[in-house]
Amino acid sequence: MSIRTHIRSIGAALFILAIISGCGGSGDINYNVGTAGWSNWPWPWQTEANIFVSKNYSETIIDSGLTNLWLNGINGEVTITGIPGRGLVSIIAEVRVGSTTLADAQEGLNQLDVLLTDNGSDINVRTSQPSKSLDRQYIVDYNIILPSDLPVSVNLVNSHITFNGLENSTFITLGNGSVYFNSVSGDTTVSIDNGTFIGSMSLNPDSEALISIVIGDIDLNIPTTTSAELFAQVNNGTITWENLDLVNVQATSKTLQGILGDGAGLIDLETVNGNISIIGL
């Protein structure tokens, strides 16, 4: 296992450390009295918190042969942006806790953190919080900027996740929320229990896009030049497609199958309760 040196900024302080195992984030603590738009984000919580405290986390990692980024979170919004030729991975997080008293919110903030491990090839980022909420609101928002060709795997419980400009494999599992794609390409696997997928993506040669939802809609935009076998299925819902040169079409009220281009890749879409829309751009 190689030892890599990172520059980690916390508030106005600057620390240089070697990361071999996990490290927790800390930072400037801010006290916010009032709901600040957080008390019902993005779904109802067990308590009507009216006091919030927060801290910031920031990490910059030099890319010298990274092969994967893994993110495991619980509650919070996530944005991951890929930039071609970028040599750094930047991880920024806002960590915040809401409660009915300042003292309880402060105690909760001491128990909520961001842990990062780096073994020289994989970066693992994880939200660490108590297993029981005790009527507090624990939220960690992530903003990650990385090389566009770095594979990404994300596992979230409650989140709205936005991916911009990723060009390699992307793997997402989400309990509740939404996944948004902007100009994403490469192999893609998306699994959502309750939520929606909305986005534009393209397939690299022979790549696959697998999107499945239990409850929710799939709205997918793809280039008209896409080459792939296309499969779509709903149990309770409808399937619509337009502006695509789809041949060898086999369609029922609940399924759609056909070939785009020379059928080199694969697009497989499924929702149990929801609608599927596929549009060529």
C-alpha atoms as a PDB file:
ATOM      1  CA  MET A   1       0.000   0.000   0.000  1.00  0.00           C
ATOM      2  CA  SER A   2       1.489   3.300  -0.982  1.00  0.00           C
ATOM      3  CA  ILE A   3       1.437   6.342   1.270  1.00  0.00           C
ATOM      4  CA  ARG A   4       0.167   9.464  -0.449  1.00  0.00           C
ATOM      5  CA  THR A   5       0.472  13.013   0.815  1.00  0.00           C
ATOM      6  CA  HIS A   6      -2.568  15.258   0.714  1.00  0.00           C
ATOM      7  CA  ILE A   7      -3.166  18.927   1.325  1.00  0.00           C
ATOM      8  CA  ARG A   8      -6.242  19.383   3.444  1.00  0.00           C
ATOM      9  CA  SER A   9      -7.729  22.809   4.119  1.00  0.00           C
ATOM     10  CA  ILE A  10      -9.998  23.345   7.085  1.00  0.00           C
ATOM     11  CA  GLY A  11     -11.303  26.867   7.434  1.00  0.00           C
ATOM     12  CA  ALA A  12      -8.273  29.174   7.502  1.00  0.00           C
ATOM     13  CA  ALA A  13      -5.912  26.451   8.705  1.00  0.00           C
ATOM     14  CA  LEU A  14      -3.775  24.299   6.442  1.00  0.00           C
ATOM     15  CA  PHE A  15      -2.587  20.845   7.406  1.00  0.00           C
ATOM     16  CA  ILE A  16      -0.316  18.455   5.502  1.00  0.00           C
ATOM     17  CA  LEU A  17      -0.717  14.801   6.426  1.00  0.00           C
ATOM     18  CA  ALA A  18      -0.114  11.320   5.112  1.00  0.00           C
ATOM     19  CA  ILE A  19      -3.324   9.347   4.812  1.00  0.00           C
ATOM     20  CA  ILE A  20      -3.073   5.614   5.305  1.00  0.00           C
ATOM     21  CA  SER A  21      -6.475   4.920   6.840  1.00  0.00           C
ATOM     22  CA  GLY A  22      -9.512   7.083   7.594  1.00  0.00           C
ATOM     23  CA  CYS A  23      -9.513  10.713   8.511  1.00  0.00           C
ATOM     24  CA  GLY A  24     -12.402  12.768   9.772  1.00  0.00           C
ATOM     25  CA  GLY A  25     -13.285  16.247   8.709  1.00  0.00           C
ATOM     26  CA  SER A  26     -13.626  19.271  10.906  1.00  0.00           C
ATOM     27  CA  GLY A  27     -13.804  22.945  10.171  1.00  0.00           C
ATOM     28  CA  ASP A  28     -15.402  26.293  10.767  1.00  0.00           C
ATOM     29  CA  ILE A  29     -18.572  25.896  12.820  1.00  0.00           C
ATOM     30  CA  ASN A  30     -21.503  28.127  11.976  1.00  0.00           C
ATOM     31  CA  TYR A  31     -24.650  28.570  14.048  1.00  0.00           C
ATOM     32  CA  ASN A  32     -27.895  29.220  12.210  1.00  0.00           C
ATOM     33  CA  VAL A  33     -31.060  29.976  14.129  1.00  0.00           C
ATOM     34  CA  GLY A  34     -34.181  29.268  12.099  1.00  0.00           C
ATOM     35  CA  THR A  35     -35.086  26.664   9.512  1.00  0.00           C
ATOM     36  CA  ALA A  36     -32.715  28.047   6.838  1.00  0.00           C
ATOM     37  CA  GLY A  37     -34.575  25.951   4.282  1.00  0.00           C
ATOM     38  CA  TRP A  38     -33.212  22.720   5.727  1.00  0.00           C
ATOM     39  CA  SER A  39     -35.890  21.410   8.054  1.00  0.00           C
ATOM     40  CA  ASN A  40     -37.763  19.546   5.325  1.00  0.00           C
ATOM     41  CA  TRP A  41     -34.909  18.780   2.961  1.00  0.00           C
ATOM     42  CA  PRO A  42     -35.639  16.868   0.828  1.00  0.00           C
ATOM     43  CA  TRP A  43     -38.269  14.783   2.608  1.00  0.00           C
ATOM     44  CA  PRO A  44     -40.087  15.224   5.923  1.00  0.00           C
ATOM     45  CA  TRP A  45     -38.006  14.492   8.999  1.00  0.00           C
ATOM     46  CA  GLN A  46     -38.979  13.261  12.408  1.00  0.00           C
ATOM     47  CA  THR A  47     -38.558  16.620  14.059  1.00  0.00           C
ATOM     48  CA  GLU A  48     -39.071  20.266  13.195  1.00  0.00           C
ATOM     49  CA  ALA A  49     -35.523  21.427  13.848  1.00  0.00           C
ATOM     50  CA  ASN A  50     -35.166  25.179  14.234  1.00  0.00           C
ATOM     51  CA  ILE A  51     -31.444  25.424  15.082  1.00  0.00           C
ATOM     52  CA  PHE A  52     -28.672  24.266  12.773  1.00  0.00           C
ATOM     53  CA  VAL A  53     -24.916  24.102  13.126  1.00  0.00           C
ATOM     54  CA  SER A  54     -22.506  23.305  10.322  1.00  0.00           C
ATOM     55  CA  LYS A  55     -18.855  22.760   9.483  1.00  0.00           C
ATOM     56  CA  ASN A  56     -16.922  22.512   6.231  1.00  0.00           C
ATOM     57  CA  TYR A  57     -14.679  19.779   4.871  1.00  0.00           C
ATOM     58  CA  SER A  58     -12.205  20.101   2.000  1.00  0.00           C
ATOM     59  CA  GLU A  59      -9.648  17.707   0.544  1.00  0.00           C
ATOM     60  CA  THR A  60      -7.480  17.860  -2.587  1.00  0.00           C
ATOM     61  CA  ILE A  61      -5.821  14.706  -3.899  1.00  0.00           C
ATOM     62  CA  ILE A  62      -3.235  14.490  -6.677  1.00  0.00           C
ATOM     63  CA  ASP A  63      -4.166  11.969  -9.368  1.00  0.00           C
ATOM     64  CA  SER A  64      -1.132   9.772  -9.876  1.00  0.00           C
ATOM     65  CA  GLY A  65      -2.759   6.591 -11.093  1.00  0.00           C
ATOM     66  CA  LEU A  66      -6.183   6.633  -9.421  1.00  0.00           C
ATOM     67  CA  THR A  67      -8.579   3.938 -10.635  1.00  0.00           C
ATOM     68  CA  ASN A  68     -11.843   4.563  -8.721  1.00  0.00           C
ATOM     69  CA  LEU A  69     -13.714   6.992  -6.514  1.00  0.00           C
ATOM     70  CA  TRP A  70     -16.252   5.531  -4.086  1.00  0.00           C
ATOM     71  CA  LEU A  71     -18.794   7.649  -2.211  1.00  0.00           C
ATOM     72  CA  ASN A  72     -21.091   6.304   0.506  1.00  0.00           C
ATOM     73  CA  GLY A  73     -23.488   8.847   1.965  1.00  0.00           C
ATOM     74  CA  ILE A  74     -26.779   8.968   3.837  1.00  0.00           C
ATOM     75  CA  ASN A  75     -28.594  12.316   3.546  1.00  0.00           C
ATOM     76  CA  GLY A  76     -27.551  15.241   1.376  1.00  0.00           C
ATOM     77  CA  GLU A  77     -27.178  16.588  -2.123  1.00  0.00           C
ATOM     78  CA  VAL A  78     -24.287  15.400  -4.290  1.00  0.00           C
ATOM     79  CA  THR A  79     -22.702  16.963  -7.367  1.00  0.00           C
ATOM     80  CA  ILE A  80     -19.869  15.193  -9.190  1.00  0.00           C
ATOM     81  CA  THR A  81     -18.224  16.977 -12.122  1.00  0.00           C
ATOM     82  CA  GLY A  82     -15.642  15.552 -14.490  1.00  0.00           C
ATOM     83  CA  ILE A  83     -13.074  17.760 -16.232  1.00  0.00           C
ATOM     84  CA  PRO A  84     -10.917  16.335 -19.070  1.00  0.00           C
ATOM     85  CA  GLY A  85      -7.217  16.291 -18.279  1.00  0.00           C
ATOM     86  CA  ARG A  86      -7.667  17.355 -14.656  1.00  0.00           C
ATOM     87  CA  GLY A  87      -4.892  16.062 -12.404  1.00  0.00           C
ATOM     88  CA  LEU A  88      -6.645  16.577  -9.074  1.00  0.00           C
ATOM     89  CA  VAL A  89      -9.623  15.249  -7.166  1.00  0.00           C
ATOM     90  CA  SER A  90     -11.309  17.937  -5.041  1.00  0.00           C
ATOM     91  CA  ILE A  91     -13.786  16.882  -2.361  1.00  0.00           C
ATOM     92  CA  ILE A  92     -15.794  19.616  -0.652  1.00  0.00           C
ATOM     93  CA  ALA A  93     -18.531  18.900   1.862  1.00  0.00           C
ATOM     94  CA  GLU A  94     -20.874  20.921   4.030  1.00  0.00           C
ATOM     95  CA  VAL A  95     -21.680  18.970   7.192  1.00  0.00           C
ATOM     96  CA  ARG A  96     -24.670  20.146   9.190  1.00  0.00           C
ATOM     97  CA  VAL A  97     -26.976  19.063  11.994  1.00  0.00           C
ATOM     98  CA  GLY A  98     -30.392  20.379  12.951  1.00  0.00           C
ATOM     99  CA  SER A  99     -32.089  20.027  16.316  1.00  0.00           C
ATOM    100  CA  THR A 100     -34.460  21.809  18.666  1.00  0.00           C
ATOM    101  CA  THR A 101     -31.681  23.158  20.906  1.00  0.00           C
ATOM    102  CA  LEU A 102     -28.225  24.575  20.201  1.00  0.00           C
ATOM    103  CA  ALA A 103     -26.549  22.228  22.672  1.00  0.00           C
ATOM    104  CA  ASP A 104     -28.087  19.139  21.075  1.00  0.00           C
ATOM    105  CA  ALA A 105     -27.203  20.343  17.560  1.00  0.00           C
ATOM    106  CA  GLN A 106     -23.600  20.904  18.682  1.00  0.00           C
ATOM    107  CA  GLU A 107     -23.439  17.441  20.186  1.00  0.00           C
ATOM    108  CA  GLY A 108     -24.790  15.965  16.965  1.00  0.00           C
ATOM    109  CA  LEU A 109     -22.238  17.877  14.879  1.00  0.00           C
ATOM    110  CA  ASN A 110     -19.447  16.294  16.922  1.00  0.00           C
ATOM    111  CA  GLN A 111     -20.787  12.897  15.836  1.00  0.00           C
ATOM    112  CA  LEU A 112     -21.191  13.677  12.105  1.00  0.00           C
ATOM    113  CA  ASP A 113     -18.131  13.553   9.906  1.00  0.00           C
ATOM    114  CA  VAL A 114     -16.592  12.787   6.526  1.00  0.00           C
ATOM    115  CA  LEU A 115     -14.103   9.911   6.445  1.00  0.00           C
ATOM    116  CA  LEU A 116     -11.650   9.473   3.592  1.00  0.00           C
ATOM    117  CA  THR A 117      -9.290   6.608   2.786  1.00  0.00           C
ATOM    118  CA  ASP A 118      -6.846   6.367  -0.101  1.00  0.00           C
ATOM    119  CA  ASN A 119      -4.779   3.259  -0.823  1.00  0.00           C
ATOM    120  CA  GLY A 120      -3.014   4.744  -3.811  1.00  0.00           C
ATOM    121  CA  SER A 121      -5.568   3.645  -6.409  1.00  0.00           C
ATOM    122  CA  ASP A 122      -9.032   3.890  -4.826  1.00  0.00           C
ATOM    123  CA  ILE A 123     -10.436   6.924  -3.023  1.00  0.00           C
ATOM    124  CA  ASN A 124     -13.174   6.052  -0.530  1.00  0.00           C
ATOM    125  CA  VAL A 125     -15.322   8.862   0.879  1.00  0.00           C
ATOM    126  CA  ARG A 126     -17.898   8.040   3.540  1.00  0.00           C
ATOM    127  CA  THR A 127     -20.394   9.871   5.727  1.00  0.00           C
ATOM    128  CA  SER A 128     -20.014   8.791   9.348  1.00  0.00           C
ATOM    129  CA  GLN A 129     -22.954   9.389  11.669  1.00  0.00           C
ATOM    130  CA  PRO A 130     -24.738   7.687  14.588  1.00  0.00           C
ATOM    131  CA  SER A 131     -26.981   4.763  13.723  1.00  0.00           C
ATOM    132  CA  LYS A 132     -29.873   6.485  15.531  1.00  0.00           C
ATOM    133  CA  SER A 133     -30.855  10.046  14.683  1.00  0.00           C
ATOM    134  CA  LEU A 134     -32.331  10.890  18.119  1.00  0.00           C
ATOM    135  CA  ASP A 135     -34.679  13.280  16.269  1.00  0.00           C
ATOM    136  CA  ARG A 136     -31.758  15.234  14.839  1.00  0.00           C
ATOM    137  CA  GLN A 137     -31.278  16.029  11.168  1.00  0.00           C
ATOM    138  CA  TYR A 138     -27.941  14.846   9.807  1.00  0.00           C
ATOM    139  CA  ILE A 139     -27.063  16.215   6.355  1.00  0.00           C
ATOM    140  CA  VAL A 140     -23.823  16.128   4.352  1.00  0.00           C
ATOM    141  CA  ASP A 141     -23.716  17.801   0.919  1.00  0.00           C
ATOM    142  CA  TYR A 142     -20.856  16.812  -1.375  1.00  0.00           C
ATOM    143  CA  ASN A 143     -19.327  18.683  -4.300  1.00  0.00           C
ATOM    144  CA  ILE A 144     -16.638  16.600  -6.025  1.00  0.00           C
ATOM    145  CA  ILE A 145     -14.549  17.665  -9.030  1.00  0.00           C
ATOM    146  CA  LEU A 146     -12.338  15.025 -10.642  1.00  0.00           C
ATOM    147  CA  PRO A 147     -10.749  13.833 -13.908  1.00  0.00           C
ATOM    148  CA  SER A 148     -13.550  13.028 -16.341  1.00  0.00           C
ATOM    149  CA  ASP A 149     -12.122   9.562 -17.052  1.00  0.00           C
ATOM    150  CA  LEU A 150     -12.067   8.437 -13.396  1.00  0.00           C
ATOM    151  CA  PRO A 151     -14.656   5.691 -12.685  1.00  0.00           C
ATOM    152  CA  VAL A 152     -17.168   6.623  -9.979  1.00  0.00           C
ATOM    153  CA  SER A 153     -19.331   4.503  -7.666  1.00  0.00           C
ATOM    154  CA  VAL A 154     -21.947   6.174  -5.459  1.00  0.00           C
ATOM    155  CA  ASN A 155     -24.237   4.722  -2.790  1.00  0.00           C
ATOM    156  CA  LEU A 156     -26.723   7.148  -1.175  1.00  0.00           C
ATOM    157  CA  VAL A 157     -29.823   6.711   0.985  1.00  0.00           C
ATOM    158  CA  ASN A 158     -31.621  10.070   0.518  1.00  0.00           C
ATOM    159  CA  SER A 159     -30.165  12.380  -2.089  1.00  0.00           C
ATOM    160  CA  HIS A 160     -30.411  14.388  -5.274  1.00  0.00           C
ATOM    161  CA  ILE A 161     -27.350  13.407  -7.308  1.00  0.00           C
ATOM    162  CA  THR A 162     -26.039  15.356 -10.310  1.00  0.00           C
ATOM    163  CA  PHE A 163     -23.309  14.039 -12.625  1.00  0.00           C
ATOM    164  CA  ASN A 164     -21.630  16.364 -15.113  1.00  0.00           C
ATOM    165  CA  GLY A 165     -19.224  15.372 -17.881  1.00  0.00           C
ATOM    166  CA  LEU A 166     -18.175  11.899 -16.675  1.00  0.00           C
ATOM    167  CA  GLU A 167     -16.605   9.760 -19.401  1.00  0.00           C
ATOM    168  CA  ASN A 168     -15.893   6.415 -17.750  1.00  0.00           C
ATOM    169  CA  SER A 169     -17.945   3.857 -15.822  1.00  0.00           C
ATOM    170  CA  THR A 170     -20.524   5.165 -13.360  1.00  0.00           C
ATOM    171  CA  PHE A 171     -22.305   3.008 -10.769  1.00  0.00           C
ATOM    172  CA  ILE A 172     -25.130   4.465  -8.648  1.00  0.00           C
ATOM    173  CA  THR A 173     -27.429   3.006  -6.005  1.00  0.00           C
ATOM    174  CA  LEU A 174     -29.977   5.348  -4.405  1.00  0.00           C
ATOM    175  CA  GLY A 175     -32.761   4.758  -1.912  1.00  0.00           C
ATOM    176  CA  ASN A 176     -34.855   7.913  -2.310  1.00  0.00           C
ATOM    177  CA  GLY A 177     -34.309  10.883  -4.572  1.00  0.00           C
ATOM    178  CA  SER A 178     -33.259  11.816  -8.075  1.00  0.00           C
ATOM    179  CA  VAL A 179     -30.330  11.211 -10.414  1.00  0.00           C
ATOM    180  CA  TYR A 180     -29.476  13.823 -13.062  1.00  0.00           C
ATOM    181  CA  PHE A 181     -27.035  13.231 -15.938  1.00  0.00           C
ATOM    182  CA  ASN A 182     -25.481  16.041 -17.953  1.00  0.00           C
ATOM    183  CA  SER A 183     -23.258  14.896 -20.844  1.00  0.00           C
ATOM    184  CA  VAL A 184     -22.306  11.557 -19.287  1.00  0.00           C
ATOM    185  CA  SER A 185     -20.787   8.722 -21.319  1.00  0.00           C
ATOM    186  CA  GLY A 186     -19.380   5.258 -20.681  1.00  0.00           C
ATOM    187  CA  ASP A 187     -20.776   2.221 -18.886  1.00  0.00           C
ATOM    188  CA  THR A 188     -23.575   3.235 -16.535  1.00  0.00           C
ATOM    189  CA  THR A 189     -25.548   1.355 -13.900  1.00  0.00           C
ATOM    190  CA  VAL A 190     -28.277   3.188 -11.973  1.00  0.00           C
ATOM    191  CA  SER A 191     -30.523   1.556  -9.372  1.00  0.00           C
ATOM    192  CA  ILE A 192     -33.153   3.656  -7.543  1.00  0.00           C
ATOM    193  CA  ASP A 193     -35.792   2.449  -5.095  1.00  0.00           C
ATOM    194  CA  ASN A 194     -38.016   5.530  -5.053  1.00  0.00           C
ATOM    195  CA  GLY A 195     -37.229   8.482  -7.295  1.00  0.00           C
ATOM    196  CA  THR A 196     -36.468   9.586 -10.821  1.00  0.00           C
ATOM    197  CA  PHE A 197     -33.744   9.491 -13.439  1.00  0.00           C
ATOM    198  CA  ILE A 198     -33.451  12.489 -15.767  1.00  0.00           C
ATOM    199  CA  GLY A 199     -30.551  13.056 -18.069  1.00  0.00           C
ATOM    200  CA  SER A 200     -28.588  13.127 -21.262  1.00  0.00           C
ATOM    201  CA  MET A 201     -25.892  10.576 -21.972  1.00  0.00           C
ATOM    202  CA  SER A 202     -24.008   8.919 -24.795  1.00  0.00           C
ATOM    203  CA  LEU A 203     -22.536   5.453 -25.083  1.00  0.00           C
ATOM    204  CA  ASN A 204     -18.905   4.798 -25.802  1.00  0.00           C
ATOM    205  CA  PRO A 205     -18.351   1.954 -28.315  1.00  0.00           C
ATOM    206  CA  ASP A 206     -19.712  -1.328 -26.886  1.00  0.00           C
ATOM    207  CA  SER A 207     -20.671   0.300 -23.571  1.00  0.00           C
ATOM    208  CA  GLU A 208     -23.845  -0.356 -21.558  1.00  0.00           C
ATOM    209  CA  ALA A 209     -26.439   1.801 -19.804  1.00  0.00           C
ATOM    210  CA  LEU A 210     -28.548  -0.101 -17.250  1.00  0.00           C
ATOM    211  CA  ILE A 211     -31.167   1.964 -15.403  1.00  0.00           C
ATOM    212  CA  SER A 212     -33.757   0.452 -13.061  1.00  0.00           C
ATOM    213  CA  ILE A 213     -36.266   2.074 -10.714  1.00  0.00           C
ATOM    214  CA  VAL A 214     -38.870   0.526  -8.427  1.00  0.00           C
ATOM    215  CA  ILE A 215     -41.104   3.611  -8.134  1.00  0.00           C
ATOM    216  CA  GLY A 216     -40.441   6.536 -10.455  1.00  0.00           C
ATOM    217  CA  ASP A 217     -39.871   7.728 -14.015  1.00  0.00           C
ATOM    218  CA  ILE A 218     -36.958   7.439 -16.435  1.00  0.00           C
ATOM    219  CA  ASP A 219     -36.415  10.339 -18.864  1.00  0.00           C
ATOM    220  CA  LEU A 220     -33.399   9.596 -21.064  1.00  0.00           C
ATOM    221  CA  ASN A 221     -31.962  11.721 -23.875  1.00  0.00           C
ATOM    222  CA  ILE A 222     -29.411  10.111 -26.217  1.00  0.00           C
ATOM    223  CA  PRO A 223     -27.737  11.146 -29.489  1.00  0.00           C
ATOM    224  CA  THR A 224     -29.568  10.123 -32.660  1.00  0.00           C
ATOM    225  CA  THR A 225     -26.294   8.444 -33.714  1.00  0.00           C
ATOM    226  CA  THR A 226     -26.381   6.015 -30.777  1.00  0.00           C
ATOM    227  CA  SER A 227     -25.472   2.410 -31.571  1.00  0.00           C
ATOM    228  CA  ALA A 228     -27.071  -0.040 -29.164  1.00  0.00           C
ATOM    229  CA  GLU A 229     -29.648  -2.695 -28.537  1.00  0.00           C
ATOM    230  CA  LEU A 230     -32.547  -1.042 -26.727  1.00  0.00           C
ATOM    231  CA  PHE A 231     -34.766  -2.713 -24.157  1.00  0.00           C
ATOM    232  CA  ALA A 232     -37.399  -0.980 -22.026  1.00  0.00           C
ATOM    233  CA  GLN A 233     -39.996  -2.415 -19.661  1.00  0.00           C
ATOM    234  CA  VAL A 234     -42.651  -1.087 -17.269  1.00  0.00           C
ATOM    235  CA  ASN A 235     -45.112  -2.913 -15.063  1.00  0.00           C
ATOM    236  CA  ASN A 236     -47.413   0.012 -14.338  1.00  0.00           C
ATOM    237  CA  GLY A 237     -46.780   2.894 -16.709  1.00  0.00           C
ATOM    238  CA  THR A 238     -46.070   3.801 -20.317  1.00  0.00           C
ATOM    239  CA  ILE A 239     -43.094   3.762 -22.702  1.00  0.00           C
ATOM    240  CA  THR A 240     -42.627   6.519 -25.270  1.00  0.00           C
ATOM    241  CA  TRP A 241     -39.799   7.186 -27.738  1.00  0.00           C
ATOM    242  CA  GLU A 242     -39.209   9.762 -30.443  1.00  0.00           C
ATOM    243  CA  ASN A 243     -36.665  11.032 -32.951  1.00  0.00           C
ATOM    244  CA  LEU A 244     -34.766   7.731 -32.978  1.00  0.00           C
ATOM    245  CA  ASP A 245     -34.055   5.474 -35.950  1.00  0.00           C
ATOM    246  CA  LEU A 246     -35.119   2.318 -34.138  1.00  0.00           C
ATOM    247  CA  VAL A 247     -35.316  -0.821 -36.317  1.00  0.00           C
ATOM    248  CA  ASN A 248     -36.495  -4.380 -35.696  1.00  0.00           C
ATOM    249  CA  VAL A 249     -39.001  -2.901 -33.275  1.00  0.00           C
ATOM    250  CA  GLN A 250     -40.955  -5.228 -31.023  1.00  0.00           C
ATOM    251  CA  ALA A 251     -43.349  -3.332 -28.811  1.00  0.00           C
ATOM    252  CA  THR A 252     -46.246  -3.997 -26.471  1.00  0.00           C
ATOM    253  CA  SER A 253     -48.018  -1.690 -24.040  1.00  0.00           C
ATOM    254  CA  LYS A 254     -45.388  -2.587 -21.421  1.00  0.00           C
ATOM    255  CA  THR A 255     -42.216  -3.387 -23.389  1.00  0.00           C
ATOM    256  CA  LEU A 256     -40.056  -1.979 -26.166  1.00  0.00           C
ATOM    257  CA  GLN A 257     -37.211  -3.649 -28.006  1.00  0.00           C
ATOM    258  CA  GLY A 258     -35.210  -2.557 -31.044  1.00  0.00           C
ATOM    259  CA  ILE A 259     -31.835  -1.762 -32.601  1.00  0.00           C
ATOM    260  CA  LEU A 260     -30.152   1.636 -32.845  1.00  0.00           C
ATOM    261  CA  GLY A 261     -27.356   1.934 -35.403  1.00  0.00           C
ATOM    262  CA  ASP A 262     -25.417  -1.314 -35.607  1.00  0.00           C
ATOM    263  CA  GLY A 263     -26.455  -2.375 -32.096  1.00  0.00           C
ATOM    264  CA  ALA A 264     -22.935  -2.372 -30.663  1.00  0.00           C
ATOM    265  CA  GLY A 265     -23.904  -1.238 -27.145  1.00  0.00           C
ATOM    266  CA  LEU A 266     -26.784  -1.891 -24.777  1.00  0.00           C
ATOM    267  CA  ILE A 267     -29.473   0.317 -23.224  1.00  0.00           C
ATOM    268  CA  ASP A 268     -31.678  -1.507 -20.717  1.00  0.00           C
ATOM    269  CA  LEU A 269     -34.370   0.516 -18.902  1.00  0.00           C
ATOM    270  CA  GLU A 270     -36.894  -0.739 -16.369  1.00  0.00           C
ATOM    271  CA  THR A 271     -39.322   0.760 -13.877  1.00  0.00           C
ATOM    272  CA  VAL A 272     -41.921  -1.140 -11.895  1.00  0.00           C
ATOM    273  CA  ASN A 273     -44.231   1.807 -11.220  1.00  0.00           C
ATOM    274  CA  GLY A 274     -43.493   4.695 -13.531  1.00  0.00           C
ATOM    275  CA  ASN A 275     -43.029   5.851 -17.109  1.00  0.00           C
ATOM    276  CA  ILE A 276     -40.105   5.637 -19.517  1.00  0.00           C
ATOM    277  CA  SER A 277     -39.335   8.324 -22.112  1.00  0.00           C
ATOM    278  CA  ILE A 278     -36.456   7.999 -24.615  1.00  0.00           C
ATOM    279  CA  ILE A 279     -35.693  10.942 -26.914  1.00  0.00           C
ATOM    280  CA  GLY A 280     -33.047  11.287 -29.606  1.00  0.00           C
ATOM    281  CA  LEU A 281     -31.180  14.595 -29.748  1.00  0.00           C
END
